[in-house]
C-alpha atoms as a PDB file:
ATOM      1  CA  UNK A   1     -11.698  21.308  21.078  1.00  0.00           C
ATOM      2  CA  UNK A   2     -11.071  23.874  23.762  1.00  0.00           C
ATOM      3  CA  UNK A   3      -9.102  23.544  26.954  1.00  0.00           C
ATOM      4  CA  UNK A   4      -9.014  25.340  30.232  1.00  0.00           C
ATOM      5  CA  UNK A   5      -7.755  28.927  30.251  1.00  0.00           C
ATOM      6  CA  UNK A   6      -4.556  29.712  32.120  1.00  0.00           C
ATOM      7  CA  UNK A   7      -2.546  32.771  33.140  1.00  0.00           C
ATOM      8  CA  UNK A   8       1.171  33.481  32.880  1.00  0.00           C
ATOM      9  CA  UNK A   9       1.909  35.923  35.672  1.00  0.00           C
ATOM     10  CA  UNK A  10       4.731  38.387  35.154  1.00  0.00           C
ATOM     11  CA  UNK A  11       5.908  36.920  31.868  1.00  0.00           C
ATOM     12  CA  UNK A  12       5.212  36.335  28.230  1.00  0.00           C
ATOM     13  CA  UNK A  13       3.904  33.180  26.607  1.00  0.00           C
ATOM     14  CA  UNK A  14       4.536  32.476  22.948  1.00  0.00           C
ATOM     15  CA  UNK A  15       2.638  29.595  21.402  1.00  0.00           C
ATOM     16  CA  UNK A  16       3.350  28.331  17.908  1.00  0.00           C
ATOM     17  CA  UNK A  17       1.211  25.758  16.244  1.00  0.00           C
ATOM     18  CA  UNK A  18       0.932  23.932  12.968  1.00  0.00           C
ATOM     19  CA  UNK A  19      -1.991  23.545  10.640  1.00  0.00           C
ATOM     20  CA  UNK A  20      -3.725  20.184  10.963  1.00  0.00           C
ATOM     21  CA  UNK A  21      -2.854  19.476   7.320  1.00  0.00           C
ATOM     22  CA  UNK A  22       0.905  19.579   8.058  1.00  0.00           C
ATOM     23  CA  UNK A  23       2.720  16.311   8.624  1.00  0.00           C
ATOM     24  CA  UNK A  24       4.723  16.239  11.834  1.00  0.00           C
ATOM     25  CA  UNK A  25       7.302  13.763  10.526  1.00  0.00           C
ATOM     26  CA  UNK A  26       8.764  12.467   7.278  1.00  0.00           C
ATOM     27  CA  UNK A  27      11.348   9.886   6.315  1.00  0.00           C
ATOM     28  CA  UNK A  28      14.635  11.392   5.132  1.00  0.00           C
ATOM     29  CA  UNK A  29      15.218  10.300   1.554  1.00  0.00           C
ATOM     30  CA  UNK A  30      18.794  11.582   1.262  1.00  0.00           C
ATOM     31  CA  UNK A  31      21.295  14.070   2.650  1.00  0.00           C
ATOM     32  CA  UNK A  32      22.476  16.778   0.279  1.00  0.00           C
ATOM     33  CA  UNK A  33      25.965  16.121  -1.151  1.00  0.00           C
ATOM     34  CA  UNK A  34      27.464  19.047   0.788  1.00  0.00           C
ATOM     35  CA  UNK A  35      25.912  17.866   4.078  1.00  0.00           C
ATOM     36  CA  UNK A  36      23.972  21.067   4.720  1.00  0.00           C
ATOM     37  CA  UNK A  37      20.497  19.707   4.162  1.00  0.00           C
ATOM     38  CA  UNK A  38      18.270  16.719   3.648  1.00  0.00           C
ATOM     39  CA  UNK A  39      15.621  15.700   1.144  1.00  0.00           C
ATOM     40  CA  UNK A  40      12.139  14.466   2.001  1.00  0.00           C
ATOM     41  CA  UNK A  41       9.448  13.264  -0.383  1.00  0.00           C
ATOM     42  CA  UNK A  42       6.699  15.380   1.148  1.00  0.00           C
ATOM     43  CA  UNK A  43       5.979  18.663  -0.612  1.00  0.00           C
ATOM     44  CA  UNK A  44       3.817  19.846   2.321  1.00  0.00           C
ATOM     45  CA  UNK A  45       7.090  20.638   4.126  1.00  0.00           C
ATOM     46  CA  UNK A  46       7.570  23.584   1.770  1.00  0.00           C
ATOM     47  CA  UNK A  47       4.255  25.048   2.952  1.00  0.00           C
ATOM     48  CA  UNK A  48       4.382  24.038   6.610  1.00  0.00           C
ATOM     49  CA  UNK A  49       7.949  24.816   7.629  1.00  0.00           C
ATOM     50  CA  UNK A  50      10.202  27.759   6.893  1.00  0.00           C
ATOM     51  CA  UNK A  51      13.437  29.483   7.784  1.00  0.00           C
ATOM     52  CA  UNK A  52      13.825  29.644  11.554  1.00  0.00           C
ATOM     53  CA  UNK A  53      11.747  26.525  12.227  1.00  0.00           C
ATOM     54  CA  UNK A  54      13.266  23.795  14.362  1.00  0.00           C
ATOM     55  CA  UNK A  55      13.213  20.214  13.118  1.00  0.00           C
ATOM     56  CA  UNK A  56      14.212  17.183  15.152  1.00  0.00           C
ATOM     57  CA  UNK A  57      16.029  14.387  13.364  1.00  0.00           C
ATOM     58  CA  UNK A  58      15.700  11.046  15.124  1.00  0.00           C
ATOM     59  CA  UNK A  59      16.485   7.429  14.368  1.00  0.00           C
ATOM     60  CA  UNK A  60      13.888   5.241  12.706  1.00  0.00           C
ATOM     61  CA  UNK A  61      13.228   3.739  16.149  1.00  0.00           C
ATOM     62  CA  UNK A  62      12.519   7.243  17.491  1.00  0.00           C
ATOM     63  CA  UNK A  63      15.272   6.821  20.087  1.00  0.00           C
ATOM     64  CA  UNK A  64      15.678  10.415  21.276  1.00  0.00           C
ATOM     65  CA  UNK A  65      19.235   9.739  22.456  1.00  0.00           C
ATOM     66  CA  UNK A  66      20.182   9.428  18.787  1.00  0.00           C
ATOM     67  CA  UNK A  67      18.278  12.572  17.811  1.00  0.00           C
ATOM     68  CA  UNK A  68      19.143  16.237  17.552  1.00  0.00           C
ATOM     69  CA  UNK A  69      17.447  19.562  16.813  1.00  0.00           C
ATOM     70  CA  UNK A  70      18.332  21.601  13.727  1.00  0.00           C
ATOM     71  CA  UNK A  71      17.364  25.117  12.685  1.00  0.00           C
ATOM     72  CA  UNK A  72      15.991  25.380   9.155  1.00  0.00           C
ATOM     73  CA  UNK A  73      17.706  28.048   7.054  1.00  0.00           C
ATOM     74  CA  UNK A  74      15.939  27.413   3.729  1.00  0.00           C
ATOM     75  CA  UNK A  75      13.368  25.161   2.102  1.00  0.00           C
ATOM     76  CA  UNK A  76      13.124  24.643  -1.642  1.00  0.00           C
ATOM     77  CA  UNK A  77      11.487  22.235  -4.036  1.00  0.00           C
ATOM     78  CA  UNK A  78      13.900  19.685  -5.479  1.00  0.00           C
ATOM     79  CA  UNK A  79      12.239  18.092  -8.471  1.00  0.00           C
ATOM     80  CA  UNK A  80       8.512  17.451  -8.599  1.00  0.00           C
ATOM     81  CA  UNK A  81       8.042  15.384  -5.435  1.00  0.00           C
ATOM     82  CA  UNK A  82      11.002  16.257  -3.215  1.00  0.00           C
ATOM     83  CA  UNK A  83      11.801  19.091  -0.838  1.00  0.00           C
ATOM     84  CA  UNK A  84      15.348  20.137   0.119  1.00  0.00           C
ATOM     85  CA  UNK A  85      15.514  21.381   3.705  1.00  0.00           C
ATOM     86  CA  UNK A  86      18.724  23.268   4.454  1.00  0.00           C
ATOM     87  CA  UNK A  87      19.821  23.474   8.094  1.00  0.00           C
ATOM     88  CA  UNK A  88      22.381  25.482  10.053  1.00  0.00           C
ATOM     89  CA  UNK A  89      24.531  22.480  11.121  1.00  0.00           C
ATOM     90  CA  UNK A  90      26.510  20.035   8.993  1.00  0.00           C
ATOM     91  CA  UNK A  91      24.613  16.752   8.818  1.00  0.00           C
ATOM     92  CA  UNK A  92      27.384  14.673   7.243  1.00  0.00           C
ATOM     93  CA  UNK A  93      29.175  14.082  10.554  1.00  0.00           C
ATOM     94  CA  UNK A  94      26.180  12.571  12.333  1.00  0.00           C
ATOM     95  CA  UNK A  95      26.481   8.756  12.592  1.00  0.00           C
ATOM     96  CA  UNK A  96      22.714   8.364  12.302  1.00  0.00           C
ATOM     97  CA  UNK A  97      22.705  10.121   8.929  1.00  0.00           C
ATOM     98  CA  UNK A  98      25.886   8.568   7.511  1.00  0.00           C
ATOM     99  CA  UNK A  99      24.674   5.059   8.428  1.00  0.00           C
ATOM    100  CA  UNK A 100      21.388   5.683   6.629  1.00  0.00           C
ATOM    101  CA  UNK A 101      23.280   6.680   3.500  1.00  0.00           C
ATOM    102  CA  UNK A 102      25.269   3.421   3.260  1.00  0.00           C
END
């Protein structure tokens, strides 16, 4: 579908999009032992996201107060069905993540 055109006067507009085949969310399966990344069981993440991308981790109720943004530093396959997403902040100190692990 197409929308209405618009103009940005005196500035620059950068628009990033995702392919329609990319999932916009996935359930975190586990946090890496060193707390620098998380594992999802969705191999499309390896194709759809990359270093520099921003991911938002939220609670299972999607309560944004419990969520936070993280910058992806690396994505690698972890086994045949899992993807390890490494981020720039330590995840092990986040109550949301540590509660999910217990």
